C-alpha cells in the first residue's frame, strides 16, 4: 500500500498541538510499519525533525502560503505519486484530489459561536478558511478521524454524519515527558523563581487567558504565599491589553512571560511548576494535560468539552466561565498537602492509558480497513 500523509508544518521551529500529533504519529509508524510505502509531504523549515527511511520518503514542497500549498502544490504532487490514500492531518484538505481521503478533524470550533474574536490576523484567517473548506471536504472523505469521544459525538451531531464515517483515536504524549529532579538549569532560562504556577495561554479566545488571569489575581489576593505565574506563548503587549481592560494591572509584577517555550524544555518547566493550569473554555483533547501529569505536576483543568474525558481522575475540574472556581482550586491545592500528593499520584496513573505507539497502531489499522474496502 502507498500511503501519502500531509504534515505541512512539522518542520517549523515553533510547533503547536496539531504539528506534534502528526509528527509523533509518523515517528511511531516508522517504527511499527516496515511493509507499506509512505510519502510524507512537508513545507521546508529549519527543524528537520523527521528523516527518510527505506519505506518513508520525506518530500518538501515549497509554496508561499498555507492555502496555496494545500490546494495546489499538494494535489499536484499527489497526482504524480498516485497513492492508495491521502491522510491530511490538520483539519483541512485539498478540495480537488482524486485519491481516497482520510482527514484528521481535531475539532469544529470554527463552526461554533466564538467567545470573542481573536486579535490575531493569522488565527482569524485560519478560522474563515476552515469554515469555507471543511464542509465540502468532509463529503469526499473515506474516513474522518478525531481525537476524543466528546469531539466525535459533537461532530456527528453538528454535521449529521453517519456513525461509520467518523471515529476517534486518542493522542499520546512524548516519552521525554517525565519528572525531572533537577530543573533549575532549564527553568532559569525562562524565569528566576524556584517555585511557580504554569499556564499555557495564547491569543486564541478558547484558551480563556483573560478568565485565568482574573482567577490568578483572586488567588494572589487570598494566598498567604502567592507564587508567580509563568505564562507561555503570550507577549507583554497582549498581557498588558488584558490587564488594562480587566483593571488589575497590579498583578503584572507576579507574571512571567518569556514567550514560546521549546518542546525540549517543557518537561523541566512542568516538573518545576507547583501547579499546571489548563483552563480553556473548550478543547478537543488537551495533550498538555498528559504532559503535565507525566511530569508529576498536579493539574487544574476545565469541566467542559473533552477535558474531563482525557484527564479523568488525574485532575481537578473548574468551571472556566467562573474565575472564582479556578482560584479556589489553586488555593485548595496550595493548602491541602494530602490532596496535592494524591493528585500527583492520580496524574501519573492516568497517563499510563495513553501513548503515541497506541495512536499509530490504531491509525495503521484504519489505513488497512480503507485499503481492503
Protein backbone atom coordinates (compact mmCIF):
# COMPACT_ATOMS: atom_id res chain seq x y z
CA UNK A 1 0.00 0.00 0.00
CA UNK A 2 1.22 3.50 -0.88
CA UNK A 3 0.24 5.98 1.82
CA UNK A 4 0.58 9.76 1.49
CA UNK A 5 0.48 11.89 4.63
CA UNK A 6 0.17 15.67 4.68
CA UNK A 7 2.28 17.10 7.51
CA UNK A 8 2.82 20.60 6.18
CA UNK A 9 4.01 22.38 9.32
CA UNK A 10 6.11 19.84 11.20
CA UNK A 11 9.43 21.37 10.06
CA UNK A 12 8.60 24.79 11.52
CA UNK A 13 10.52 25.73 14.66
CA UNK A 14 7.59 26.86 16.80
CA UNK A 15 5.33 23.81 16.69
CA UNK A 16 1.95 23.53 18.34
CA UNK A 17 -0.55 20.78 19.13
CA UNK A 18 -1.57 19.52 15.68
CA UNK A 19 2.05 19.61 14.47
CA UNK A 20 3.13 17.27 17.28
CA UNK A 21 0.21 14.91 16.69
CA UNK A 22 1.28 14.46 13.07
CA UNK A 23 4.99 14.26 13.88
CA UNK A 24 4.73 11.74 16.71
CA UNK A 25 2.26 9.54 14.84
CA UNK A 26 4.55 9.41 11.82
CA UNK A 27 7.57 8.62 14.01
CA UNK A 28 5.73 5.67 15.51
CA UNK A 29 4.54 4.48 12.11
CA UNK A 30 8.18 4.40 11.05
CA UNK A 31 8.87 2.03 13.93
CA UNK A 32 5.93 -0.34 13.54
CA UNK A 33 5.40 -0.47 9.76
CA UNK A 34 8.19 -1.75 7.51
CA UNK A 35 5.91 -3.06 4.75
CA UNK A 36 3.89 -0.17 3.37
CA UNK A 37 5.43 2.73 1.46
CA UNK A 38 4.93 6.25 2.83
CA UNK A 39 5.23 9.70 1.27
CA UNK A 40 5.32 12.45 3.88
CA UNK A 41 4.66 15.92 2.44
CA UNK A 42 6.06 18.86 4.40
CA UNK A 43 6.78 22.54 3.86
CA UNK A 44 10.51 23.39 4.09
CA UNK A 45 11.61 24.60 7.50
CA UNK A 46 14.59 24.84 9.83
CA UNK A 47 13.63 21.99 12.17
CA UNK A 48 14.38 18.82 10.18
CA UNK A 49 12.76 16.68 12.85
CA UNK A 50 11.93 13.75 10.61
CA UNK A 51 14.26 11.72 8.38
CA UNK A 52 13.58 9.43 5.45
CA UNK A 53 13.96 5.68 5.90
CA UNK A 54 13.77 2.78 3.47
CA UNK A 55 9.99 2.95 3.11
CA UNK A 56 9.38 6.53 4.34
CA UNK A 57 10.05 9.32 1.85
CA UNK A 58 10.10 12.91 3.20
CA UNK A 59 9.08 15.25 0.37
CA UNK A 60 9.49 19.01 0.84
CA UNK A 61 7.10 21.16 -1.16
CA UNK A 62 7.82 24.88 -1.32
CA UNK A 63 4.87 27.25 -1.70
CA UNK A 64 4.38 30.80 -0.36
CA UNK A 65 1.16 30.33 1.64
CA UNK A 66 -0.63 27.62 3.59
CA UNK A 67 -3.67 27.74 1.32
CA UNK A 68 -1.75 27.54 -1.98
CA UNK A 69 0.41 24.75 -0.55
CA UNK A 70 -2.64 22.70 0.37
CA UNK A 71 -4.89 23.45 -2.58
CA UNK A 72 -2.33 23.49 -5.42
CA UNK A 73 1.13 22.17 -4.53
CA UNK A 74 -0.07 19.11 -2.60
CA UNK A 75 -2.65 17.88 -5.18
CA UNK A 76 -0.06 18.28 -7.97
CA UNK A 77 2.45 16.18 -6.03
CA UNK A 78 -0.19 13.57 -5.20
CA UNK A 79 -1.18 13.22 -8.85
CA UNK A 80 2.38 12.18 -9.70
CA UNK A 81 2.73 9.59 -6.94
CA UNK A 82 -0.81 8.14 -7.17
CA UNK A 83 -1.01 6.78 -3.60
CA UNK A 84 -3.71 4.43 -2.38
CA UNK A 85 -4.84 7.02 0.14
CA UNK A 86 -4.02 10.52 1.37
CA UNK A 87 -4.17 11.35 5.08
CA UNK A 88 -4.46 15.08 5.82
CA UNK A 89 -3.62 15.67 9.46
CA UNK A 90 -4.66 19.22 10.36
CA UNK A 91 -8.41 19.81 9.86
CA UNK A 92 -8.32 20.81 6.19
CA UNK A 93 -7.54 19.11 2.88
CA UNK A 94 -7.49 19.77 -0.89
CA UNK A 95 -10.88 20.38 -2.42
CA UNK A 96 -9.84 18.53 -5.56
CA UNK A 97 -7.76 15.39 -5.15
CA UNK A 98 -8.70 12.10 -6.79
CA UNK A 99 -7.47 9.61 -4.20
CA UNK A 100 -9.24 8.13 -1.15
CA UNK A 101 -9.03 10.74 1.60
CA UNK A 102 -8.60 10.38 5.35
CA UNK A 103 -8.94 13.60 7.35
CA UNK A 104 -7.97 14.23 10.95
CA UNK A 105 -10.54 16.77 12.10
CA UNK A 106 -9.31 17.81 15.53
CA UNK A 107 -12.39 19.89 16.27
CA UNK A 108 -15.15 22.00 14.76
CA UNK A 109 -14.59 25.07 16.92
CA UNK A 110 -14.55 27.11 13.70
CA UNK A 111 -18.26 26.29 13.23
CA UNK A 112 -19.22 27.26 16.77
CA UNK A 113 -20.00 30.64 18.30
CA UNK A 114 -16.75 32.23 19.45
CA UNK A 115 -16.45 33.59 22.99
CA UNK A 116 -14.67 36.56 21.47
CA UNK A 117 -12.88 37.43 18.24
CA UNK A 118 -9.16 36.73 18.17
CA UNK A 119 -6.86 39.73 17.79
CA UNK A 120 -4.51 37.59 15.69
CA UNK A 121 -4.93 38.11 11.92
CA UNK A 122 -3.41 34.65 11.31
CA UNK A 123 -5.91 32.94 13.62
CA UNK A 124 -8.85 34.83 12.11
CA UNK A 125 -7.86 33.95 8.54
CA UNK A 126 -7.45 30.31 9.55
CA UNK A 127 -10.90 30.36 11.15
CA UNK A 128 -12.56 31.60 7.95
CA UNK A 129 -10.54 29.24 5.76
CA UNK A 130 -11.69 26.22 7.77
CA UNK A 131 -15.32 27.37 7.61
CA UNK A 132 -15.03 27.51 3.83
CA UNK A 133 -13.05 24.32 3.15
CA UNK A 134 -14.06 21.73 5.73
CA UNK A 135 -17.78 21.14 4.91
CA UNK A 136 -17.20 20.23 1.22
CA UNK A 137 -14.07 18.23 2.06
CA UNK A 138 -15.96 16.04 4.53
CA UNK A 139 -18.17 14.76 1.73
CA UNK A 140 -15.07 13.49 -0.08
CA UNK A 141 -13.60 11.63 2.91
CA UNK A 142 -13.49 7.88 3.14
CA UNK A 143 -12.97 8.28 6.88
CA UNK A 144 -12.73 11.12 9.38
CA UNK A 145 -10.53 10.76 12.47
CA UNK A 146 -10.99 12.94 15.51
CA UNK A 147 -9.23 12.82 18.86
CA UNK A 148 -11.82 12.15 21.58
CA UNK A 149 -15.21 10.59 22.11
CA UNK A 150 -16.59 14.02 23.01
CA UNK A 151 -15.42 15.53 19.73
CA UNK A 152 -16.61 12.52 17.74
CA UNK A 153 -20.13 12.88 19.10
CA UNK A 154 -20.01 16.66 18.68
CA UNK A 155 -19.02 16.41 15.01
CA UNK A 156 -21.58 13.71 14.21
CA UNK A 157 -24.34 15.73 15.82
CA UNK A 158 -23.41 19.09 14.30
CA UNK A 159 -22.71 17.83 10.77
CA UNK A 160 -25.21 14.97 10.65
CA UNK A 161 -22.58 12.37 9.80
CA UNK A 162 -23.30 8.62 9.84
CA UNK A 163 -21.59 6.58 12.56
CA UNK A 164 -19.37 4.70 10.08
CA UNK A 165 -17.96 7.93 8.62
CA UNK A 166 -16.06 9.07 11.70
CA UNK A 167 -14.06 7.52 14.53
CA UNK A 168 -11.82 8.75 17.32
CA UNK A 169 -8.22 7.86 18.05
CA UNK A 170 -6.69 9.28 21.22
CA UNK A 171 -3.48 11.28 21.12
CA UNK A 172 -0.44 10.36 23.19
CA UNK A 173 2.43 12.24 24.81
CA UNK A 174 6.18 12.25 24.21
CA UNK A 175 8.43 9.77 26.01
CA UNK A 176 10.60 12.69 27.14
CA UNK A 177 7.82 13.88 29.45
CA UNK A 178 8.67 12.52 32.87
CA UNK A 179 9.52 14.09 36.22
CA UNK A 180 12.88 15.86 36.27
CA UNK A 181 14.51 16.08 39.67
CA UNK A 182 16.83 18.89 38.61
CA UNK A 183 15.06 21.64 36.71
CA UNK A 184 16.78 24.93 37.54
CA UNK A 185 19.26 24.81 34.66
CA UNK A 186 16.31 24.89 32.25
CA UNK A 187 13.74 26.92 34.18
CA UNK A 188 16.18 29.80 34.78
CA UNK A 189 16.14 30.41 31.02
CA UNK A 190 12.51 31.47 31.38
CA UNK A 191 12.07 32.84 34.91
CA UNK A 192 14.19 33.49 38.01
CA UNK A 193 11.82 31.89 40.52
CA UNK A 194 12.27 28.43 42.05
CA UNK A 195 8.53 27.87 42.51
CA UNK A 196 5.72 29.00 40.24
CA UNK A 197 2.36 28.18 38.69
CA UNK A 198 2.32 27.39 34.97
CA UNK A 199 -0.29 28.36 32.36
CA UNK A 200 -0.23 27.71 28.62
CA UNK A 201 -2.04 30.74 27.27
CA UNK A 202 -2.23 32.47 23.93
CA UNK A 203 -4.47 34.86 22.00
CA UNK A 204 -6.90 32.15 20.90
CA UNK A 205 -10.19 33.03 22.63
CA UNK A 206 -10.84 29.40 23.59
CA UNK A 207 -7.78 29.40 25.87
CA UNK A 208 -9.58 31.61 28.40
CA UNK A 209 -6.49 33.69 29.10
CA UNK A 210 -8.47 36.64 30.43
CA UNK A 211 -10.52 34.49 32.82
CA UNK A 212 -7.44 32.66 34.02
CA UNK A 213 -5.63 35.92 34.78
CA UNK A 214 -8.68 37.14 36.70
CA UNK A 215 -8.62 33.87 38.68
CA UNK A 216 -4.90 34.32 39.32
CA UNK A 217 -5.48 37.85 40.64
CA UNK A 218 -8.05 36.45 43.07
CA UNK A 219 -5.60 33.79 44.17
CA UNK A 220 -2.88 36.40 44.77
CA UNK A 221 -5.27 38.45 46.90
CA UNK A 222 -6.12 35.47 49.14
CA UNK A 223 -2.94 33.39 49.29
CA UNK A 224 -0.50 33.75 52.18
CA UNK A 225 2.40 32.72 49.94
CA UNK A 226 1.32 33.56 46.40
CA UNK A 227 3.53 32.09 43.68
CA UNK A 228 4.35 33.84 40.39
CA UNK A 229 2.56 32.72 37.24
CA UNK A 230 4.59 31.57 34.24
CA UNK A 231 2.65 32.14 31.01
CA UNK A 232 3.85 30.55 27.79
CA UNK A 233 3.04 31.79 24.28
CA UNK A 234 1.87 35.27 25.25
CA UNK A 235 3.79 38.51 24.78
CA UNK A 236 3.81 41.57 27.03
CA UNK A 237 1.57 43.65 24.77
CA UNK A 238 -1.18 41.01 24.86
CA UNK A 239 -0.87 40.70 28.64
CA UNK A 240 -1.00 44.48 29.13
CA UNK A 241 -4.14 44.68 27.00
CA UNK A 242 -5.89 42.09 29.17
CA UNK A 243 -4.71 43.59 32.47
CA UNK A 244 -5.69 47.13 31.47
CA UNK A 245 -9.09 46.07 30.17
CA UNK A 246 -9.85 43.96 33.25
CA UNK A 247 -8.46 46.55 35.68
CA UNK A 248 -5.90 44.57 37.66
CA UNK A 249 -2.55 45.85 36.42
CA UNK A 250 -1.19 45.39 39.96
CA UNK A 251 -0.53 41.66 39.37
CA UNK A 252 1.85 42.26 36.48
CA UNK A 253 5.00 42.04 38.69
CA UNK A 254 3.89 38.50 39.57
CA UNK A 255 3.69 37.39 35.92
CA UNK A 256 6.49 35.77 33.91
CA UNK A 257 6.02 35.84 30.12
CA UNK A 258 9.09 34.55 28.23
CA UNK A 259 7.16 33.76 25.03
CA UNK A 260 7.49 30.42 23.27
CA UNK A 261 8.94 27.56 25.33
CA UNK A 262 10.63 24.87 23.26
CA UNK A 263 9.23 21.36 23.48
CA UNK A 264 12.58 20.03 24.68
CA UNK A 265 12.43 22.36 27.71
CA UNK A 266 8.79 21.71 28.60
CA UNK A 267 9.45 18.61 30.77
CA UNK A 268 11.60 20.68 33.11
CA UNK A 269 9.08 23.52 33.07
CA UNK A 270 6.23 21.17 34.01
CA UNK A 271 8.36 19.38 36.63
CA UNK A 272 9.37 22.67 38.24
CA UNK A 273 5.81 24.01 38.40
CA UNK A 274 3.80 23.69 41.59
CA UNK A 275 0.51 23.50 39.66
CA UNK A 276 -0.36 23.41 35.96
CA UNK A 277 -3.42 25.38 34.79
CA UNK A 278 -5.20 24.21 31.64
CA UNK A 279 -8.39 26.21 31.96
CA UNK A 280 -9.63 26.55 28.38
CA UNK A 281 -13.27 27.05 27.51
CA UNK A 282 -13.01 24.19 25.05
CA UNK A 283 -10.54 21.52 23.95
CA UNK A 284 -10.96 18.55 21.65
CA UNK A 285 -8.25 16.62 23.54
CA UNK A 286 -5.57 18.50 25.50
CA UNK A 287 -2.11 16.95 25.12
CA UNK A 288 -0.61 19.33 27.77
CA UNK A 289 -2.83 17.61 30.35
CA UNK A 290 -0.94 14.35 29.77
CA UNK A 291 2.45 16.06 29.61
CA UNK A 292 1.97 17.78 32.95
CA UNK A 293 0.63 14.68 34.67
CA UNK A 294 3.51 12.58 33.30
CA UNK A 295 5.91 15.08 34.88
CA UNK A 296 4.29 14.70 38.27
CA UNK A 297 2.57 18.08 38.36
CA UNK A 298 -0.97 18.40 39.76
CA UNK A 299 -3.39 19.75 37.16
CA UNK A 300 -6.36 22.09 37.31
CA UNK A 301 -8.40 21.96 34.13
CA UNK A 302 -11.92 22.75 32.92
CA UNK A 303 -15.09 20.73 33.37
CA UNK A 304 -16.08 21.31 29.74
CA UNK A 305 -15.72 19.53 26.37
CA UNK A 306 -13.13 16.71 26.22
CA UNK A 307 -11.05 17.70 29.23
CA UNK A 308 -12.88 15.52 31.81
CA UNK A 309 -12.73 12.58 29.37
CA UNK A 310 -8.98 12.86 28.92
CA UNK A 311 -7.89 13.93 32.41
CA UNK A 312 -10.19 11.52 34.25
CA UNK A 313 -9.21 11.15 37.92
CA UNK A 314 -5.85 12.78 37.16
CA UNK A 315 -7.00 16.41 37.52
CA UNK A 316 -9.22 18.78 39.47
CA UNK A 317 -12.01 20.43 37.48
CA UNK A 318 -13.06 24.08 37.50
CA UNK A 319 -15.78 25.97 35.69
CA UNK A 320 -13.79 28.08 33.17
CA UNK A 321 -16.61 30.61 32.96
CA UNK A 322 -16.30 31.34 36.70
CA UNK A 323 -12.81 32.63 37.66
CA UNK A 324 -13.56 32.01 41.35
CA UNK A 325 -13.88 28.31 40.56
CA UNK A 326 -10.29 28.29 39.29
CA UNK A 327 -8.81 30.42 42.07
CA UNK A 328 -10.44 28.31 44.79
CA UNK A 329 -8.86 25.13 43.41
CA UNK A 330 -5.43 26.76 43.27
CA UNK A 331 -5.77 27.74 46.92
CA UNK A 332 -7.06 24.28 47.84
CA UNK A 333 -4.06 22.54 46.26
CA UNK A 334 -1.72 25.04 47.87
CA UNK A 335 -3.12 24.49 51.37
CA UNK A 336 -4.09 20.78 51.34
CA UNK A 337 -0.86 18.78 51.15
CA UNK A 338 -2.66 15.42 51.28
CA UNK A 339 -4.80 16.36 48.29
CA UNK A 340 -1.74 17.68 46.49
CA UNK A 341 0.12 14.38 46.81
CA UNK A 342 -2.97 12.40 45.84
CA UNK A 343 -3.46 14.41 42.64
CA UNK A 344 0.21 13.95 41.75
CA UNK A 345 -0.22 10.16 42.03
CA UNK A 346 -3.54 10.19 40.21
CA UNK A 347 -1.98 12.01 37.28
CA UNK A 348 0.90 9.57 36.98
CA UNK A 349 -1.57 6.68 36.94
CA UNK A 350 -3.87 8.32 34.41
CA UNK A 351 -1.25 8.89 31.71
CA UNK A 352 -0.46 5.17 31.51
CA UNK A 353 -3.56 4.84 29.31
CA UNK A 354 -2.11 6.98 26.51
CA UNK A 355 0.84 6.62 24.11
CA UNK A 356 1.82 7.62 20.59
CA UNK A 357 2.53 3.96 19.84
CA UNK A 358 -1.13 3.17 20.51
CA UNK A 359 -2.18 6.12 18.35
CA UNK A 360 -0.04 4.90 15.43
CA UNK A 361 -1.28 1.28 15.67
CA UNK A 362 -4.91 2.39 15.55
CA UNK A 363 -4.17 4.74 12.64
CA UNK A 364 -2.44 1.98 10.67
CA UNK A 365 -5.39 -0.33 11.30
CA UNK A 366 -7.70 2.33 9.87
CA UNK A 367 -5.48 2.64 6.75
CA UNK A 368 -5.76 -1.12 6.19
CA UNK A 369 -9.53 -1.08 6.60
CA UNK A 370 -9.86 1.56 3.88
CA UNK A 371 -7.45 -0.18 1.52
CA UNK A 372 -9.21 -3.55 1.86
CA UNK A 373 -12.60 -1.99 1.29
